[in-house]
Amino acid sequence: MIKTEIISYNGSLYNGDSNLVVLPTKTGEIGIMKNHEAIITQLQEVNILIYHDKKIDKSIPVKSGFAEVVNNKLIVTISQ
């Protein structure tokens, strides 16, 4: 599991553990799982998909934003 926090200017949209988070980046989709290497990336306008137990738990629309992965924690800031 990876600790996942997604924040917009309206507040917290998701805060919990995930098996997989698929991020829509400027260069294509990136799947983030436990022990992913540290990265910072810019997001494009598509949905963030959060998986739990091999099923989509939540889909969050994104207009733009940034994501950072460090030490099994994913922090995403977005505008919707």
PDB file of N, CA and C in Angstrom:
ATOM      1  N   MET A   1       0.838  -1.191   0.000  1.00  0.00           N
ATOM      2  CA  MET A   1       0.000   0.000   0.000  1.00  0.00           C
ATOM      3  C   MET A   1       0.880   1.250   0.000  1.00  0.00           C
ATOM      4  N   ILE A   2       0.348   2.278  -0.643  1.00  0.00           N
ATOM      5  CA  ILE A   2       1.024   3.567  -0.643  1.00  0.00           C
ATOM      6  C   ILE A   2       0.073   4.600  -0.047  1.00  0.00           C
ATOM      7  N   LYS A   3       0.579   5.397   0.862  1.00  0.00           N
ATOM      8  CA  LYS A   3      -0.211   6.466   1.475  1.00  0.00           C
ATOM      9  C   LYS A   3      -0.477   7.515   0.405  1.00  0.00           C
ATOM     10  N   THR A   4      -1.755   7.853   0.195  1.00  0.00           N
ATOM     11  CA  THR A   4      -2.143   8.727  -0.906  1.00  0.00           C
ATOM     12  C   THR A   4      -2.960   9.898  -0.380  1.00  0.00           C
ATOM     13  N   GLU A   5      -2.549  11.099  -0.790  1.00  0.00           N
ATOM     14  CA  GLU A   5      -3.291  12.301  -0.415  1.00  0.00           C
ATOM     15  C   GLU A   5      -3.489  13.150  -1.662  1.00  0.00           C
ATOM     16  N   ILE A   6      -4.747  13.468  -1.967  1.00  0.00           N
ATOM     17  CA  ILE A   6      -5.072  14.307  -3.120  1.00  0.00           C
ATOM     18  C   ILE A   6      -5.808  15.540  -2.614  1.00  0.00           C
ATOM     19  N   ILE A   7      -5.269  16.707  -2.978  1.00  0.00           N
ATOM     20  CA  ILE A   7      -5.762  17.974  -2.444  1.00  0.00           C
ATOM     21  C   ILE A   7      -6.086  18.915  -3.598  1.00  0.00           C
ATOM     22  N   SER A   8      -7.222  19.620  -3.487  1.00  0.00           N
ATOM     23  CA  SER A   8      -7.541  20.691  -4.429  1.00  0.00           C
ATOM     24  C   SER A   8      -7.705  21.980  -3.632  1.00  0.00           C
ATOM     25  N   TYR A   9      -7.940  23.066  -4.331  1.00  0.00           N
ATOM     26  CA  TYR A   9      -8.139  24.341  -3.625  1.00  0.00           C
ATOM     27  C   TYR A   9      -9.388  24.311  -2.746  1.00  0.00           C
ATOM     28  N   ASN A  10     -10.290  23.340  -2.982  1.00  0.00           N
ATOM     29  CA  ASN A  10     -11.488  23.185  -2.148  1.00  0.00           C
ATOM     30  C   ASN A  10     -11.243  22.331  -0.906  1.00  0.00           C
ATOM     31  N   GLY A  11     -10.071  21.718  -0.804  1.00  0.00           N
ATOM     32  CA  GLY A  11      -9.758  20.876   0.349  1.00  0.00           C
ATOM     33  C   GLY A  11      -9.330  19.483  -0.063  1.00  0.00           C
ATOM     34  N   SER A  12      -9.333  18.579   0.888  1.00  0.00           N
ATOM     35  CA  SER A  12      -8.893  17.203   0.659  1.00  0.00           C
ATOM     36  C   SER A  12      -9.943  16.412  -0.124  1.00  0.00           C
ATOM     37  N   LEU A  13      -9.507  15.747  -1.190  1.00  0.00           N
ATOM     38  CA  LEU A  13     -10.393  14.918  -2.002  1.00  0.00           C
ATOM     39  C   LEU A  13     -10.222  13.440  -1.702  1.00  0.00           C
ATOM     40  N   TYR A  14      -9.027  13.059  -1.227  1.00  0.00           N
ATOM     41  CA  TYR A  14      -8.759  11.664  -0.874  1.00  0.00           C
ATOM     42  C   TYR A  14      -7.579  11.637   0.083  1.00  0.00           C
ATOM     43  N   ASN A  15      -7.696  10.828   1.118  1.00  0.00           N
ATOM     44  CA  ASN A  15      -6.605  10.659   2.068  1.00  0.00           C
ATOM     45  C   ASN A  15      -6.705   9.247   2.623  1.00  0.00           C
ATOM     46  N   GLY A  16      -5.832   8.357   2.153  1.00  0.00           N
ATOM     47  CA  GLY A  16      -5.875   6.976   2.604  1.00  0.00           C
ATOM     48  C   GLY A  16      -4.825   6.137   1.902  1.00  0.00           C
ATOM     49  N   ASP A  17      -4.910   4.829   2.094  1.00  0.00           N
ATOM     50  CA  ASP A  17      -3.977   3.898   1.476  1.00  0.00           C
ATOM     51  C   ASP A  17      -4.547   3.367   0.169  1.00  0.00           C
ATOM     52  N   SER A  18      -3.664   3.116  -0.800  1.00  0.00           N
ATOM     53  CA  SER A  18      -4.057   2.599  -2.109  1.00  0.00           C
ATOM     54  C   SER A  18      -3.098   1.507  -2.536  1.00  0.00           C
ATOM     55  N   ASN A  19      -3.606   0.590  -3.344  1.00  0.00           N
ATOM     56  CA  ASN A  19      -2.728  -0.408  -3.955  1.00  0.00           C
ATOM     57  C   ASN A  19      -2.016   0.169  -5.178  1.00  0.00           C
ATOM     58  N   LEU A  20      -2.758   0.989  -5.930  1.00  0.00           N
ATOM     59  CA  LEU A  20      -2.252   1.559  -7.181  1.00  0.00           C
ATOM     60  C   LEU A  20      -2.975   2.872  -7.438  1.00  0.00           C
ATOM     61  N   VAL A  21      -2.212   3.870  -7.888  1.00  0.00           N
ATOM     62  CA  VAL A  21      -2.795   5.130  -8.335  1.00  0.00           C
ATOM     63  C   VAL A  21      -2.260   5.394  -9.739  1.00  0.00           C
ATOM     64  N   VAL A  22      -3.168   5.617 -10.685  1.00  0.00           N
ATOM     65  CA  VAL A  22      -2.775   5.910 -12.062  1.00  0.00           C
ATOM     66  C   VAL A  22      -2.919   7.409 -12.281  1.00  0.00           C
ATOM     67  N   LEU A  23      -1.780   8.041 -12.602  1.00  0.00           N
ATOM     68  CA  LEU A  23      -1.732   9.489 -12.783  1.00  0.00           C
ATOM     69  C   LEU A  23      -1.632   9.837 -14.261  1.00  0.00           C
ATOM     70  N   PRO A  24      -2.432  10.813 -14.722  1.00  0.00           N
ATOM     71  CA  PRO A  24      -2.340  11.271 -16.108  1.00  0.00           C
ATOM     72  C   PRO A  24      -1.279  12.368 -16.241  1.00  0.00           C
ATOM     73  N   THR A  25      -0.071  12.016 -16.660  1.00  0.00           N
ATOM     74  CA  THR A  25       1.005  13.006 -16.754  1.00  0.00           C
ATOM     75  C   THR A  25       1.104  13.557 -18.168  1.00  0.00           C
ATOM     76  N   LYS A  26       1.906  14.577 -18.334  1.00  0.00           N
ATOM     77  CA  LYS A  26       2.116  15.194 -19.648  1.00  0.00           C
ATOM     78  C   LYS A  26       2.758  14.234 -20.645  1.00  0.00           C
ATOM     79  N   THR A  27       3.456  13.204 -20.157  1.00  0.00           N
ATOM     80  CA  THR A  27       4.130  12.252 -21.045  1.00  0.00           C
ATOM     81  C   THR A  27       3.426  10.897 -21.104  1.00  0.00           C
ATOM     82  N   GLY A  28       2.238  10.784 -20.511  1.00  0.00           N
ATOM     83  CA  GLY A  28       1.490   9.525 -20.504  1.00  0.00           C
ATOM     84  C   GLY A  28       1.110   9.137 -19.085  1.00  0.00           C
ATOM     85  N   GLU A  29       0.415   8.014 -18.958  1.00  0.00           N
ATOM     86  CA  GLU A  29      -0.016   7.559 -17.631  1.00  0.00           C
ATOM     87  C   GLU A  29       1.131   6.902 -16.878  1.00  0.00           C
ATOM     88  N   ILE A  30       1.147   7.130 -15.548  1.00  0.00           N
ATOM     89  CA  ILE A  30       2.125   6.506 -14.661  1.00  0.00           C
ATOM     90  C   ILE A  30       1.360   5.782 -13.563  1.00  0.00           C
ATOM     91  N   GLY A  31       1.701   4.530 -13.340  1.00  0.00           N
ATOM     92  CA  GLY A  31       1.122   3.772 -12.238  1.00  0.00           C
ATOM     93  C   GLY A  31       2.029   3.860 -11.025  1.00  0.00           C
ATOM     94  N   ILE A  32       1.486   4.293  -9.897  1.00  0.00           N
ATOM     95  CA  ILE A  32       2.258   4.448  -8.663  1.00  0.00           C
ATOM     96  C   ILE A  32       1.839   3.355  -7.686  1.00  0.00           C
ATOM     97  N   MET A  33       2.817   2.552  -7.256  1.00  0.00           N
ATOM     98  CA  MET A  33       2.582   1.486  -6.283  1.00  0.00           C
ATOM     99  C   MET A  33       3.599   1.614  -5.153  1.00  0.00           C
ATOM    100  N   LYS A  34       3.470   0.759  -4.156  1.00  0.00           N
ATOM    101  CA  LYS A  34       4.408   0.726  -3.033  1.00  0.00           C
ATOM    102  C   LYS A  34       5.836   0.603  -3.565  1.00  0.00           C
ATOM    103  N   ASN A  35       6.754   1.325  -2.931  1.00  0.00           N
ATOM    104  CA  ASN A  35       8.180   1.325  -3.255  1.00  0.00           C
ATOM    105  C   ASN A  35       8.518   1.945  -4.603  1.00  0.00           C
ATOM    106  N   HIS A  36       7.650   2.801  -5.119  1.00  0.00           N
ATOM    107  CA  HIS A  36       7.938   3.512  -6.367  1.00  0.00           C
ATOM    108  C   HIS A  36       9.093   4.472  -6.131  1.00  0.00           C
ATOM    109  N   GLU A  37       9.910   4.685  -7.161  1.00  0.00           N
ATOM    110  CA  GLU A  37      11.013   5.632  -7.025  1.00  0.00           C
ATOM    111  C   GLU A  37      10.466   7.040  -6.819  1.00  0.00           C
ATOM    112  N   ALA A  38      11.271   7.889  -6.215  1.00  0.00           N
ATOM    113  CA  ALA A  38      10.863   9.271  -5.954  1.00  0.00           C
ATOM    114  C   ALA A  38      10.736  10.026  -7.274  1.00  0.00           C
ATOM    115  N   ILE A  39       9.617  10.751  -7.435  1.00  0.00           N
ATOM    116  CA  ILE A  39       9.397  11.546  -8.644  1.00  0.00           C
ATOM    117  C   ILE A  39       8.569  12.783  -8.303  1.00  0.00           C
ATOM    118  N   ILE A  40       8.662  13.765  -9.178  1.00  0.00           N
ATOM    119  CA  ILE A  40       7.741  14.902  -9.204  1.00  0.00           C
ATOM    120  C   ILE A  40       7.312  15.024 -10.656  1.00  0.00           C
ATOM    121  N   THR A  41       6.001  15.129 -10.907  1.00  0.00           N
ATOM    122  CA  THR A  41       5.515  15.173 -12.279  1.00  0.00           C
ATOM    123  C   THR A  41       4.334  16.127 -12.407  1.00  0.00           C
ATOM    124  N   GLN A  42       4.176  16.675 -13.606  1.00  0.00           N
ATOM    125  CA  GLN A  42       3.052  17.559 -13.914  1.00  0.00           C
ATOM    126  C   GLN A  42       1.913  16.718 -14.484  1.00  0.00           C
ATOM    127  N   LEU A  43       0.685  17.043 -14.098  1.00  0.00           N
ATOM    128  CA  LEU A  43      -0.481  16.285 -14.545  1.00  0.00           C
ATOM    129  C   LEU A  43      -1.202  17.006 -15.677  1.00  0.00           C
ATOM    130  N   GLN A  44      -1.909  16.209 -16.483  1.00  0.00           N
ATOM    131  CA  GLN A  44      -2.725  16.775 -17.554  1.00  0.00           C
ATOM    132  C   GLN A  44      -4.203  16.524 -17.281  1.00  0.00           C
ATOM    133  N   GLU A  45      -5.065  17.020 -18.155  1.00  0.00           N
ATOM    134  CA  GLU A  45      -6.510  16.951 -17.944  1.00  0.00           C
ATOM    135  C   GLU A  45      -7.078  15.575 -18.305  1.00  0.00           C
ATOM    136  N   VAL A  46      -7.199  14.729 -17.315  1.00  0.00           N
ATOM    137  CA  VAL A  46      -7.844  13.412 -17.384  1.00  0.00           C
ATOM    138  C   VAL A  46      -8.187  13.053 -15.937  1.00  0.00           C
ATOM    139  N   ASN A  47      -8.612  11.834 -15.665  1.00  0.00           N
ATOM    140  CA  ASN A  47      -8.937  11.423 -14.295  1.00  0.00           C
ATOM    141  C   ASN A  47      -7.770  10.710 -13.629  1.00  0.00           C
ATOM    142  N   ILE A  48      -7.630  10.926 -12.323  1.00  0.00           N
ATOM    143  CA  ILE A  48      -6.738  10.116 -11.490  1.00  0.00           C
ATOM    144  C   ILE A  48      -7.556   8.904 -11.061  1.00  0.00           C
ATOM    145  N   LEU A  49      -6.994   7.715 -11.224  1.00  0.00           N
ATOM    146  CA  LEU A  49      -7.678   6.486 -10.827  1.00  0.00           C
ATOM    147  C   LEU A  49      -7.000   5.898  -9.601  1.00  0.00           C
ATOM    148  N   ILE A  50      -7.780   5.653  -8.555  1.00  0.00           N
ATOM    149  CA  ILE A  50      -7.256   5.081  -7.310  1.00  0.00           C
ATOM    150  C   ILE A  50      -7.803   3.666  -7.169  1.00  0.00           C
ATOM    151  N   TYR A  51      -6.901   2.693  -7.074  1.00  0.00           N
ATOM    152  CA  TYR A  51      -7.283   1.288  -6.981  1.00  0.00           C
ATOM    153  C   TYR A  51      -7.094   0.773  -5.558  1.00  0.00           C
ATOM    154  N   HIS A  52      -8.027  -0.059  -5.145  1.00  0.00           N
ATOM    155  CA  HIS A  52      -7.939  -0.758  -3.866  1.00  0.00           C
ATOM    156  C   HIS A  52      -8.507  -2.156  -4.098  1.00  0.00           C
ATOM    157  N   ASP A  53      -7.758  -3.182  -3.743  1.00  0.00           N
ATOM    158  CA  ASP A  53      -8.160  -4.574  -3.965  1.00  0.00           C
ATOM    159  C   ASP A  53      -8.498  -4.846  -5.431  1.00  0.00           C
ATOM    160  N   LYS A  54      -7.649  -4.369  -6.338  1.00  0.00           N
ATOM    161  CA  LYS A  54      -7.742  -4.612  -7.786  1.00  0.00           C
ATOM    162  C   LYS A  54      -8.977  -4.015  -8.452  1.00  0.00           C
ATOM    163  N   LYS A  55      -9.664  -3.098  -7.770  1.00  0.00           N
ATOM    164  CA  LYS A  55     -10.832  -2.424  -8.339  1.00  0.00           C
ATOM    165  C   LYS A  55     -10.654  -0.916  -8.191  1.00  0.00           C
ATOM    166  N   ILE A  56     -11.239  -0.169  -9.129  1.00  0.00           N
ATOM    167  CA  ILE A  56     -11.189   1.289  -9.015  1.00  0.00           C
ATOM    168  C   ILE A  56     -12.039   1.709  -7.824  1.00  0.00           C
ATOM    169  N   ASP A  57     -11.383   2.320  -6.860  1.00  0.00           N
ATOM    170  CA  ASP A  57     -12.046   2.794  -5.646  1.00  0.00           C
ATOM    171  C   ASP A  57     -12.602   4.199  -5.856  1.00  0.00           C
ATOM    172  N   LYS A  58     -11.846   5.008  -6.623  1.00  0.00           N
ATOM    173  CA  LYS A  58     -12.260   6.393  -6.832  1.00  0.00           C
ATOM    174  C   LYS A  58     -11.628   6.914  -8.114  1.00  0.00           C
ATOM    175  N   SER A  59     -12.374   7.742  -8.822  1.00  0.00           N
ATOM    176  CA  SER A  59     -11.891   8.421 -10.019  1.00  0.00           C
ATOM    177  C   SER A  59     -12.062   9.922  -9.790  1.00  0.00           C
ATOM    178  N   ILE A  60     -10.962  10.669  -9.897  1.00  0.00           N
ATOM    179  CA  ILE A  60     -10.992  12.093  -9.585  1.00  0.00           C
ATOM    180  C   ILE A  60     -10.601  12.881 -10.836  1.00  0.00           C
ATOM    181  N   PRO A  61     -11.507  13.740 -11.337  1.00  0.00           N
ATOM    182  CA  PRO A  61     -11.186  14.546 -12.517  1.00  0.00           C
ATOM    183  C   PRO A  61     -10.131  15.604 -12.212  1.00  0.00           C
ATOM    184  N   VAL A  62      -9.259  15.821 -13.207  1.00  0.00           N
ATOM    185  CA  VAL A  62      -8.150  16.762 -13.048  1.00  0.00           C
ATOM    186  C   VAL A  62      -8.107  17.693 -14.256  1.00  0.00           C
ATOM    187  N   LYS A  63      -7.913  18.990 -14.014  1.00  0.00           N
ATOM    188  CA  LYS A  63      -7.615  19.918 -15.108  1.00  0.00           C
ATOM    189  C   LYS A  63      -6.109  20.101 -15.229  1.00  0.00           C
ATOM    190  N   SER A  64      -5.454  20.246 -14.080  1.00  0.00           N
ATOM    191  CA  SER A  64      -3.992  20.363 -14.039  1.00  0.00           C
ATOM    192  C   SER A  64      -3.542  20.103 -12.611  1.00  0.00           C
ATOM    193  N   GLY A  65      -2.244  19.939 -12.445  1.00  0.00           N
ATOM    194  CA  GLY A  65      -1.718  19.732 -11.106  1.00  0.00           C
ATOM    195  C   GLY A  65      -0.326  19.136 -11.109  1.00  0.00           C
ATOM    196  N   PHE A  66       0.126  18.774  -9.919  1.00  0.00           N
ATOM    197  CA  PHE A  66       1.441  18.173  -9.736  1.00  0.00           C
ATOM    198  C   PHE A  66       1.335  17.010  -8.752  1.00  0.00           C
ATOM    199  N   ALA A  67       2.222  16.036  -8.916  1.00  0.00           N
ATOM    200  CA  ALA A  67       2.275  14.888  -8.010  1.00  0.00           C
ATOM    201  C   ALA A  67       3.713  14.655  -7.584  1.00  0.00           C
ATOM    202  N   GLU A  68       3.866  14.241  -6.326  1.00  0.00           N
ATOM    203  CA  GLU A  68       5.190  13.918  -5.780  1.00  0.00           C
ATOM    204  C   GLU A  68       5.102  12.590  -5.048  1.00  0.00           C
ATOM    205  N   VAL A  69       6.082  11.728  -5.303  1.00  0.00           N
ATOM    206  CA  VAL A  69       6.193  10.452  -4.598  1.00  0.00           C
ATOM    207  C   VAL A  69       7.524  10.442  -3.853  1.00  0.00           C
ATOM    208  N   VAL A  70       7.467  10.208  -2.536  1.00  0.00           N
ATOM    209  CA  VAL A  70       8.669  10.086  -1.708  1.00  0.00           C
ATOM    210  C   VAL A  70       8.352   9.139  -0.565  1.00  0.00           C
ATOM    211  N   ASN A  71       9.203   8.140  -0.348  1.00  0.00           N
ATOM    212  CA  ASN A  71       9.098   7.240   0.796  1.00  0.00           C
ATOM    213  C   ASN A  71       7.692   6.632   0.980  1.00  0.00           C
ATOM    214  N   ASN A  72       7.157   6.048  -0.099  1.00  0.00           N
ATOM    215  CA  ASN A  72       5.835   5.398  -0.062  1.00  0.00           C
ATOM    216  C   ASN A  72       4.707   6.335   0.298  1.00  0.00           C
ATOM    217  N   LYS A  73       4.854   7.610  -0.064  1.00  0.00           N
ATOM    218  CA  LYS A  73       3.776   8.576   0.116  1.00  0.00           C
ATOM    219  C   LYS A  73       3.596   9.364  -1.179  1.00  0.00           C
ATOM    220  N   LEU A  74       2.355   9.414  -1.657  1.00  0.00           N
ATOM    221  CA  LEU A  74       2.009  10.168  -2.863  1.00  0.00           C
ATOM    222  C   LEU A  74       1.171  11.373  -2.452  1.00  0.00           C
ATOM    223  N   ILE A  75       1.647  12.551  -2.823  1.00  0.00           N
ATOM    224  CA  ILE A  75       0.911  13.780  -2.571  1.00  0.00           C
ATOM    225  C   ILE A  75       0.604  14.419  -3.924  1.00  0.00           C
ATOM    226  N   VAL A  76      -0.691  14.692  -4.165  1.00  0.00           N
ATOM    227  CA  VAL A  76      -1.125  15.260  -5.427  1.00  0.00           C
ATOM    228  C   VAL A  76      -1.889  16.551  -5.137  1.00  0.00           C
ATOM    229  N   THR A  77      -1.516  17.629  -5.808  1.00  0.00           N
ATOM    230  CA  THR A  77      -2.253  18.883  -5.723  1.00  0.00           C
ATOM    231  C   THR A  77      -2.840  19.153  -7.100  1.00  0.00           C
ATOM    232  N   ILE A  78      -4.149  19.420  -7.152  1.00  0.00           N
ATOM    233  CA  ILE A  78      -4.811  19.562  -8.450  1.00  0.00           C
ATOM    234  C   ILE A  78      -5.769  20.742  -8.469  1.00  0.00           C
ATOM    235  N   SER A  79      -6.090  21.160  -9.678  1.00  0.00           N
ATOM    236  CA  SER A  79      -7.240  22.036  -9.888  1.00  0.00           C
ATOM    237  C   SER A  79      -8.232  21.219 -10.693  1.00  0.00           C
ATOM    238  N   GLN A  80      -9.506  21.488 -10.464  1.00  0.00           N
ATOM    239  CA  GLN A  80     -10.539  20.697 -11.129  1.00  0.00           C
ATOM    240  C   GLN A  80     -11.304  21.528 -12.089  1.00  0.00           C
TER     241      GLN A  80
END
